[in-house]
Every structure is written in C-alpha cells, then in structure tokens.
C-alpha cells in the first residue's frame, strides 16, 4: 500500500509539534506513532506548563524503572543516531546522568562517545556495583572506534614513516622508482628509450627501529570529553606501531602521564578525570621535559585553549619546542561534534608562531599526523 504523501507530511509535522493546541495539523496518532510521540513528549515536552487536551508534557520523573523503559522505547522506535542525540538531550534536560549510576540504566542505554564522556565525568561518584557495567559500555564504544579508525591510521602513518625515512643509497627493493625517475629525467637516453639514474631515491626500513616520537597532550576539562575518548583510542593504535614511540599525557590543573596504560584504552579512560581547571603551560612543560629527539618528535596539543595557567609561558614553551625542531600540532577538538568553543586570542597567538589551531575529526586525524611526520603543510579543514 502506497502512503499518501500529504498525510505522511502531516504525520511527521504532528510528531515534531507535539499535538499542542496551536499545532494545526488535525492529525491523530495511534499505535506505534502514539508510542513514538510519548517518548518524544517525555523529553521535549512543555514541562511545567499545565496540560490541556493532548498537549505534550515533559518529564520522566525520578523513577529509574520509568527511565529504563523510556531508554528501551527510544531504541525500539528510533535509529541509533537519533537515540544517541536523545540520550544526550536527556542528560542535559532531565538529569539522566545521576540515574546512569544504576547498572540497569547503563544496560538500557545506547553506547556512544557522549555516554562514555558522561560516565567518565561521574568519576568517583560511581558505586562499585555500576563500575563493571560502565566498563562494558566504555569497552563497546572503544572497540567500535578502533574498528573504524585503526586500519586507516596505521596505513597512513606507515606510509608517512617510510617516506620520511627516504635514503639516497637504498637497497634494490627499497627504491622509490617514481621519484628516482623524476630526479633523473635529464639523464634520459633517446637512443635507448630509457633513463640511466645517477641518483637513487628510496625508503629506509622504518619498521626496524623507532623513527618518530609522538606526544599526545590532552586537555581533560569537561568540554573536551569526546576528544579525550578519541585521543585514548588513537593513543592505543599509535602505541601498537613498532616504529613510533607514543606518549599520552592528560591534564587539568595537574598533569598525569598515562603512557604505561596505552595497551588498553579503557584503562586509559578510567585513568582520566574529566572536569576541573586547565593549566596548559604546566602540561606542555612536562611534555617538553620528556622529549629526547626534538627533530623526530611530533607534539599534539588537544585543547580548547582556555588557559588557567601562565599564558606567556605557555606560548614561550610552544616557541621553544618548535625552535628545537619538534613539529607542533594544535587541535581545538578531536571529535565529530563540529565547530567547538575555544579561546580565539590564544588560537591567534599560536597561529602567529606558525602553529595553526583547528578542530579535527577522527577521520581526518591520520592525515594530519602523516603530514606532521613528513613535515609538510597540515590538511587544515575549510571551515568557511
């Protein structure tokens, strides 16, 4: 049976408008549509306004069973991407975060990066009975992210490491023939129809030893939750590569080095403490103290740049690292959330030092790192 397009439009508008007095669709809902409307009403209703007729009214109450049922309902009626948005809104509008301390809530929720951020922000408030459920949620999200990102990241960085290790006297199977031919075109012999190369260009064997050091310096203030999750996953992927020595440092007003936990990003995430102040200067000073080969080091600062420490010393630290030969990358966010809020004055100051600050999606991050390793211009996204 073909759905009447006009009636379908009315149905959709009715679900959006919520059936209030002035919604004007004249469309009555029943069955599955009525159940969907009820789930939407519980979250996006009018709240304290008195109900009149079919007027939508918000609220799940403080009852854990009713919230669990609601979480189950939205997973039944809406696709996963919509469920994640609704859960995020429920955390903001209805105080769902506190109810997530109960294991049955976590079992009913849809695992996603934002839910992980909320769980991590609860920190020590989480009772022992909930921690195992929380770890299961975090591990599910981490494993999904690794499946999505790991192969591409390893491929992009392996290629960049090989290219950065180019040598002038390569073994035969390490010769980069395209670049060798391009470098020797003036030695073309027309009578033989070939190029006689005087200089060979090739790759070194990057996998034999550590070629690059990467330092991920991650702001763990509350607004950076999604970035912390992605940084932990990327840190684990990078740490699995033999030719890269990876360090992961998280900070608020204190600095914590989580490098020894990089074999398990779940442990890394539970070692963070979302919220609190920000002292970028102190974090960068710690990172600088751990750099042993500046010319072979890439420092990635992931922060919204709202500095609570000493601004001038922070900028001086960046300038010193760059002057020593280290590559420095400033990411305002490492997430899919779009344009973040950030300190524009500090971003401009970094730009004046030759360090553009920009938001980066997880899918773009491997290309950014490959460019930094090869010391070529970063693929900065066009935000215009």
Protein backbone atom coordinates (compact mmCIF):
# COMPACT_ATOMS: atom_id res chain seq x y z
CA UNK A 1 0.00 0.00 0.00
CA UNK A 2 1.37 3.42 -1.03
CA UNK A 3 1.46 6.07 1.67
CA UNK A 4 -0.35 9.31 0.83
CA UNK A 5 2.47 11.94 0.67
CA UNK A 6 0.24 14.70 2.07
CA UNK A 7 -0.83 12.59 5.05
CA UNK A 8 2.77 11.50 5.65
CA UNK A 9 3.83 15.14 5.83
CA UNK A 10 1.06 15.86 8.35
CA UNK A 11 2.11 12.82 10.40
CA UNK A 12 5.71 14.00 10.54
CA UNK A 13 4.73 17.55 11.48
CA UNK A 14 2.41 16.20 14.18
CA UNK A 15 5.31 14.24 15.71
CA UNK A 16 7.51 17.34 15.57
CA UNK A 17 4.95 19.77 17.00
CA UNK A 18 3.71 17.50 19.76
CA UNK A 19 -0.03 17.98 19.48
CA UNK A 20 -0.30 21.30 21.30
CA UNK A 21 -3.39 23.46 20.84
CA UNK A 22 -1.96 25.56 18.01
CA UNK A 23 -0.17 22.82 16.10
CA UNK A 24 -2.89 22.85 13.45
CA UNK A 25 -2.27 19.51 11.76
CA UNK A 26 -5.51 17.85 12.80
CA UNK A 27 -3.65 14.56 12.64
CA UNK A 28 -4.43 11.92 15.25
CA UNK A 29 -1.81 9.34 16.16
CA UNK A 30 -2.30 5.72 17.13
CA UNK A 31 -0.30 2.56 17.64
CA UNK A 32 3.44 2.90 17.04
CA UNK A 33 3.14 6.60 16.18
CA UNK A 34 1.45 7.30 19.50
CA UNK A 35 4.20 5.44 21.34
CA UNK A 36 6.87 7.45 19.49
CA UNK A 37 5.04 10.65 20.39
CA UNK A 38 5.00 9.62 24.03
CA UNK A 39 8.76 9.03 24.03
CA UNK A 40 9.34 12.42 22.43
CA UNK A 41 6.93 14.11 24.84
CA UNK A 42 8.76 12.78 27.86
CA UNK A 43 11.92 14.53 26.70
CA UNK A 44 10.90 17.55 24.64
CA UNK A 45 7.56 18.49 26.19
CA UNK A 46 6.49 21.75 27.77
CA UNK A 47 7.48 20.79 31.28
CA UNK A 48 5.81 22.92 33.94
CA UNK A 49 3.01 24.24 31.72
CA UNK A 50 -0.44 22.85 32.63
CA UNK A 51 -1.68 20.17 30.28
CA UNK A 52 -4.61 20.97 28.03
CA UNK A 53 -6.15 18.29 25.84
CA UNK A 54 -3.39 16.42 24.07
CA UNK A 55 -0.71 18.99 24.93
CA UNK A 56 2.73 17.50 25.25
CA UNK A 57 4.17 17.45 28.75
CA UNK A 58 7.80 16.65 29.59
CA UNK A 59 9.18 14.52 32.33
CA UNK A 60 10.31 11.03 33.18
CA UNK A 61 10.15 11.65 36.89
CA UNK A 62 12.81 10.35 39.23
CA UNK A 63 11.77 6.76 38.74
CA UNK A 64 14.58 4.57 37.49
CA UNK A 65 12.16 1.96 36.07
CA UNK A 66 10.34 4.62 34.01
CA UNK A 67 13.65 5.91 32.65
CA UNK A 68 14.77 2.38 31.81
CA UNK A 69 11.51 1.81 29.93
CA UNK A 70 11.96 5.11 28.10
CA UNK A 71 15.51 4.19 27.07
CA UNK A 72 14.22 0.89 25.78
CA UNK A 73 11.37 2.61 23.91
CA UNK A 74 13.58 5.06 22.05
CA UNK A 75 15.89 2.23 20.97
CA UNK A 76 12.81 0.45 19.61
CA UNK A 77 11.31 3.37 17.72
CA UNK A 78 14.30 5.39 16.50
CA UNK A 79 17.57 4.65 14.65
CA UNK A 80 20.82 4.55 16.63
CA UNK A 81 21.96 8.01 15.52
CA UNK A 82 18.71 9.57 16.79
CA UNK A 83 18.84 7.58 20.03
CA UNK A 84 22.28 8.99 20.75
CA UNK A 85 21.03 12.55 20.29
CA UNK A 86 18.01 11.92 22.52
CA UNK A 87 20.16 10.38 25.25
CA UNK A 88 22.46 13.39 25.14
CA UNK A 89 19.48 15.74 25.43
CA UNK A 90 18.06 13.68 28.30
CA UNK A 91 21.34 14.03 30.18
CA UNK A 92 21.17 17.81 29.74
CA UNK A 93 17.42 18.34 30.28
CA UNK A 94 16.26 15.65 32.67
CA UNK A 95 19.20 14.84 34.91
CA UNK A 96 19.74 11.42 33.39
CA UNK A 97 23.40 11.47 34.40
CA UNK A 98 22.68 10.66 38.04
CA UNK A 99 20.45 7.75 37.07
CA UNK A 100 23.29 6.31 34.99
CA UNK A 101 24.89 5.37 38.30
CA UNK A 102 22.47 2.43 38.35
CA UNK A 103 23.53 -0.66 36.33
CA UNK A 104 20.09 -1.21 34.78
CA UNK A 105 20.24 2.27 33.28
CA UNK A 106 23.50 1.52 31.51
CA UNK A 107 22.19 -1.76 30.17
CA UNK A 108 19.23 0.09 28.62
CA UNK A 109 21.29 2.96 27.17
CA UNK A 110 22.80 3.13 23.68
CA UNK A 111 26.63 3.14 23.96
CA UNK A 112 28.25 6.13 22.26
CA UNK A 113 31.09 8.60 22.76
CA UNK A 114 28.91 11.09 24.62
CA UNK A 115 27.62 8.46 27.03
CA UNK A 116 31.22 7.45 27.74
CA UNK A 117 32.08 11.10 28.44
CA UNK A 118 29.19 11.33 30.89
CA UNK A 119 30.27 8.15 32.68
CA UNK A 120 33.85 9.37 32.98
CA UNK A 121 32.66 12.72 34.36
CA UNK A 122 30.82 10.90 37.15
CA UNK A 123 34.18 9.62 38.34
CA UNK A 124 34.33 8.70 42.00
CA UNK A 125 30.57 9.15 42.40
CA UNK A 126 30.11 5.84 40.56
CA UNK A 127 29.39 3.00 43.00
CA UNK A 128 31.21 -0.33 42.75
CA UNK A 129 28.00 -2.06 41.60
CA UNK A 130 27.96 0.15 38.49
CA UNK A 131 31.64 0.11 37.54
CA UNK A 132 31.59 -3.21 35.69
CA UNK A 133 28.56 -2.12 33.66
CA UNK A 134 30.28 1.18 32.94
CA UNK A 135 33.46 -0.57 31.78
CA UNK A 136 31.38 -2.76 29.46
CA UNK A 137 29.81 0.34 27.89
CA UNK A 138 33.18 2.06 27.51
CA UNK A 139 34.78 -1.06 26.00
CA UNK A 140 31.98 -1.41 23.45
CA UNK A 141 32.47 2.18 22.28
CA UNK A 142 36.27 1.84 22.23
CA UNK A 143 36.13 -1.36 20.18
CA UNK A 144 33.76 0.23 17.66
CA UNK A 145 36.07 3.23 17.30
CA UNK A 146 39.12 1.00 16.86
CA UNK A 147 37.39 -0.95 14.09
CA UNK A 148 36.58 2.31 12.35
CA UNK A 149 39.92 4.07 12.76
CA UNK A 150 42.81 1.67 13.40
CA UNK A 151 43.50 0.29 9.91
CA UNK A 152 43.41 3.68 8.24
CA UNK A 153 45.62 5.22 10.92
CA UNK A 154 48.29 2.52 10.69
CA UNK A 155 48.29 2.68 6.88
CA UNK A 156 48.60 6.48 6.76
CA UNK A 157 51.38 6.64 9.35
CA UNK A 158 53.30 3.68 7.94
CA UNK A 159 53.39 5.39 4.56
CA UNK A 160 54.45 8.67 6.13
CA UNK A 161 57.19 6.99 8.16
CA UNK A 162 58.53 5.25 5.07
CA UNK A 163 58.58 8.48 3.11
CA UNK A 164 60.19 10.40 5.96
CA UNK A 165 62.92 7.74 6.11
CA UNK A 166 63.89 8.18 2.44
CA UNK A 167 67.57 7.50 1.81
CA UNK A 168 69.96 8.22 -1.09
CA UNK A 169 71.57 4.76 -1.27
CA UNK A 170 68.62 2.39 -0.89
CA UNK A 171 68.62 -1.36 -1.30
CA UNK A 172 67.12 -2.50 -4.61
CA UNK A 173 63.72 -3.43 -3.17
CA UNK A 174 63.60 -0.13 -1.22
CA UNK A 175 63.96 2.08 -4.32
CA UNK A 176 61.16 4.58 -4.92
CA UNK A 177 61.12 4.26 -8.71
CA UNK A 178 58.70 7.11 -9.40
CA UNK A 179 60.85 9.62 -7.50
CA UNK A 180 64.07 8.12 -8.85
CA UNK A 181 62.92 8.57 -12.46
CA UNK A 182 61.69 12.11 -11.75
CA UNK A 183 65.04 13.00 -10.21
CA UNK A 184 66.99 11.65 -13.23
CA UNK A 185 64.95 12.79 -16.23
CA UNK A 186 67.90 14.83 -17.52
CA UNK A 187 69.76 11.55 -17.97
CA UNK A 188 67.25 10.19 -20.47
CA UNK A 189 68.96 8.42 -23.40
CA UNK A 190 66.77 8.73 -26.52
CA UNK A 191 68.69 6.07 -28.44
CA UNK A 192 67.85 3.50 -25.74
CA UNK A 193 64.47 4.96 -24.73
CA UNK A 194 65.38 4.82 -21.06
CA UNK A 195 66.65 6.81 -18.10
CA UNK A 196 70.06 5.98 -16.64
CA UNK A 197 69.75 7.04 -12.99
CA UNK A 198 72.77 8.65 -11.37
CA UNK A 199 70.96 9.13 -8.07
CA UNK A 200 68.67 6.58 -6.46
CA UNK A 201 65.84 7.67 -4.18
CA UNK A 202 64.39 5.16 -1.79
CA UNK A 203 62.88 4.37 1.56
CA UNK A 204 64.61 3.33 4.71
CA UNK A 205 63.18 0.46 6.72
CA UNK A 206 61.09 2.36 9.21
CA UNK A 207 59.87 -0.78 10.96
CA UNK A 208 63.34 -1.81 12.16
CA UNK A 209 63.59 0.85 14.84
CA UNK A 210 61.72 3.74 16.39
CA UNK A 211 61.74 6.54 13.83
CA UNK A 212 59.35 9.07 15.38
CA UNK A 213 58.17 10.09 18.81
CA UNK A 214 54.59 11.28 19.22
CA UNK A 215 53.34 13.10 22.30
CA UNK A 216 49.58 13.46 22.73
CA UNK A 217 48.87 16.19 25.29
CA UNK A 218 45.14 16.12 26.03
CA UNK A 219 43.02 18.63 27.93
CA UNK A 220 40.59 16.70 30.18
CA UNK A 221 38.35 19.63 31.12
CA UNK A 222 34.64 18.80 30.93
CA UNK A 223 34.09 20.30 27.48
CA UNK A 224 36.75 18.02 25.97
CA UNK A 225 35.08 14.68 26.84
CA UNK A 226 34.66 13.40 23.26
CA UNK A 227 38.21 14.46 22.40
CA UNK A 228 39.57 12.52 25.38
CA UNK A 229 37.78 9.36 24.23
CA UNK A 230 39.13 9.61 20.68
CA UNK A 231 42.63 10.52 21.87
CA UNK A 232 42.74 7.39 24.05
CA UNK A 233 41.81 5.20 21.09
CA UNK A 234 44.35 6.85 18.78
CA UNK A 235 46.98 6.65 21.50
CA UNK A 236 46.45 2.89 21.76
CA UNK A 237 46.63 2.48 17.97
CA UNK A 238 49.85 4.51 17.72
CA UNK A 239 51.38 2.63 20.66
CA UNK A 240 50.83 -0.63 18.76
CA UNK A 241 53.17 0.54 15.96
CA UNK A 242 56.79 -0.56 16.49
CA UNK A 243 58.26 2.39 14.59
CA UNK A 244 56.53 5.02 16.76
CA UNK A 245 57.19 5.81 20.41
CA UNK A 246 53.92 7.24 21.76
CA UNK A 247 53.32 9.16 24.96
CA UNK A 248 49.87 10.13 26.25
CA UNK A 249 49.58 12.95 28.78
CA UNK A 250 46.28 14.26 30.15
CA UNK A 251 45.90 17.39 32.22
CA UNK A 252 43.62 19.79 34.04
CA UNK A 253 45.46 21.78 36.70
CA UNK A 254 47.55 18.65 37.30
CA UNK A 255 49.41 16.52 34.78
CA UNK A 256 49.02 12.73 34.51
CA UNK A 257 51.16 10.54 32.24
CA UNK A 258 49.09 7.54 31.10
CA UNK A 259 51.66 6.13 28.68
CA UNK A 260 52.09 2.87 30.59
CA UNK A 261 48.35 2.13 30.17
CA UNK A 262 48.22 2.60 26.40
CA UNK A 263 47.87 -1.12 25.72
CA UNK A 264 44.26 -0.81 26.94
CA UNK A 265 42.40 2.44 26.09
CA UNK A 266 39.64 1.52 28.54
CA UNK A 267 42.18 1.69 31.39
CA UNK A 268 43.38 5.00 29.94
CA UNK A 269 39.88 6.46 30.00
CA UNK A 270 39.23 5.36 33.56
CA UNK A 271 42.55 6.96 34.46
CA UNK A 272 41.27 10.37 33.35
CA UNK A 273 39.32 12.83 35.47
CA UNK A 274 37.00 14.96 33.38
CA UNK A 275 36.26 18.43 34.72
CA UNK A 276 38.22 20.93 36.74
CA UNK A 277 40.54 23.73 35.67
CA UNK A 278 43.15 23.94 32.95
CA UNK A 279 46.90 24.55 33.07
CA UNK A 280 48.22 24.10 29.54
CA UNK A 281 51.54 25.68 30.45
CA UNK A 282 52.30 23.04 33.09
CA UNK A 283 51.29 20.22 30.75
CA UNK A 284 53.49 21.46 27.90
CA UNK A 285 56.43 21.94 30.26
CA UNK A 286 56.09 18.29 31.30
CA UNK A 287 55.88 17.12 27.69
CA UNK A 288 58.93 19.17 26.75
CA UNK A 289 60.91 17.58 29.57
CA UNK A 290 60.22 14.13 28.06
CA UNK A 291 61.37 14.94 24.52
CA UNK A 292 64.72 13.31 23.72
CA UNK A 293 64.91 13.74 19.93
CA UNK A 294 63.20 17.03 19.04
CA UNK A 295 63.78 16.76 15.29
CA UNK A 296 61.97 13.40 15.25
CA UNK A 297 59.13 14.40 17.59
CA UNK A 298 55.53 15.46 16.93
CA UNK A 299 53.70 17.13 19.82
CA UNK A 300 49.90 17.20 19.51
CA UNK A 301 48.09 19.54 21.90
CA UNK A 302 44.34 18.78 22.03
CA UNK A 303 42.67 21.63 23.92
CA UNK A 304 40.11 24.41 23.58
CA UNK A 305 42.97 26.71 24.73
CA UNK A 306 41.12 28.21 27.70
CA UNK A 307 44.28 28.61 29.76
CA UNK A 308 44.18 28.93 33.53
CA UNK A 309 47.96 28.97 33.85
CA UNK A 310 50.54 31.50 32.72
CA UNK A 311 49.70 32.47 29.13
CA UNK A 312 53.06 33.90 28.14
CA UNK A 313 54.96 30.89 29.45
CA UNK A 314 52.60 28.58 27.53
CA UNK A 315 53.35 30.41 24.28
CA UNK A 316 57.06 30.51 25.06
CA UNK A 317 57.02 26.74 25.62
CA UNK A 318 55.47 26.19 22.20
CA UNK A 319 58.02 28.51 20.57
CA UNK A 320 60.90 26.69 22.30
CA UNK A 321 59.72 23.27 21.15
CA UNK A 322 59.36 24.48 17.58
CA UNK A 323 62.80 26.10 17.67
CA UNK A 324 64.29 22.80 18.82
CA UNK A 325 62.98 21.12 15.68
CA UNK A 326 59.84 19.46 17.04
CA UNK A 327 56.65 19.53 14.99
CA UNK A 328 53.75 21.07 16.93
CA UNK A 329 50.07 20.50 16.16
CA UNK A 330 47.21 22.27 18.00
CA UNK A 331 43.76 20.69 17.76
CA UNK A 332 40.82 22.57 19.28
CA UNK A 333 38.86 19.32 19.34
CA UNK A 334 39.24 15.73 18.17
CA UNK A 335 35.62 14.77 17.59
CA UNK A 336 32.71 14.74 15.16
CA UNK A 337 30.85 17.49 17.00
CA UNK A 338 31.56 20.37 14.62
CA UNK A 339 32.94 23.80 15.47
CA UNK A 340 33.95 23.94 19.16
CA UNK A 341 34.06 26.88 21.54
CA UNK A 342 37.66 27.95 22.07
CA UNK A 343 39.88 30.83 23.15
CA UNK A 344 40.33 32.81 19.95
CA UNK A 345 43.07 35.03 21.35
CA UNK A 346 45.26 32.06 22.22
CA UNK A 347 44.49 30.42 18.88
CA UNK A 348 45.62 33.57 17.09
CA UNK A 349 48.78 33.71 19.20
CA UNK A 350 49.63 30.13 18.23
CA UNK A 351 48.97 30.97 14.61
CA UNK A 352 51.49 33.81 14.88
CA UNK A 353 54.04 31.19 15.98
CA UNK A 354 53.33 29.13 12.88
CA UNK A 355 51.01 26.69 14.68
CA UNK A 356 47.51 26.82 13.19
CA UNK A 357 44.83 25.74 15.68
CA UNK A 358 41.84 23.93 14.20
CA UNK A 359 39.20 21.34 15.03
CA UNK A 360 39.86 17.87 13.63
CA UNK A 361 37.51 14.96 13.04
CA UNK A 362 38.70 11.44 13.90
CA UNK A 363 38.63 10.55 10.20
CA UNK A 364 41.00 13.42 9.35
CA UNK A 365 43.42 12.77 12.21
CA UNK A 366 45.53 10.11 10.39
CA UNK A 367 46.15 12.56 7.53
CA UNK A 368 47.10 15.31 9.96
CA UNK A 369 49.59 13.03 11.70
CA UNK A 370 51.03 11.80 8.40
CA UNK A 371 51.60 15.39 7.27
CA UNK A 372 53.24 16.29 10.59
CA UNK A 373 55.57 13.29 10.39
CA UNK A 374 56.60 14.23 6.86
CA UNK A 375 56.96 17.89 7.87
CA UNK A 376 54.65 19.10 5.15
CA UNK A 377 51.66 21.51 5.43
CA UNK A 378 48.80 20.17 7.53
CA UNK A 379 45.48 19.37 5.80
CA UNK A 380 43.52 22.05 7.67
CA UNK A 381 39.78 21.69 7.02
CA UNK A 382 37.95 24.55 5.34
CA UNK A 383 35.56 25.95 7.95
CA UNK A 384 34.20 28.60 5.59
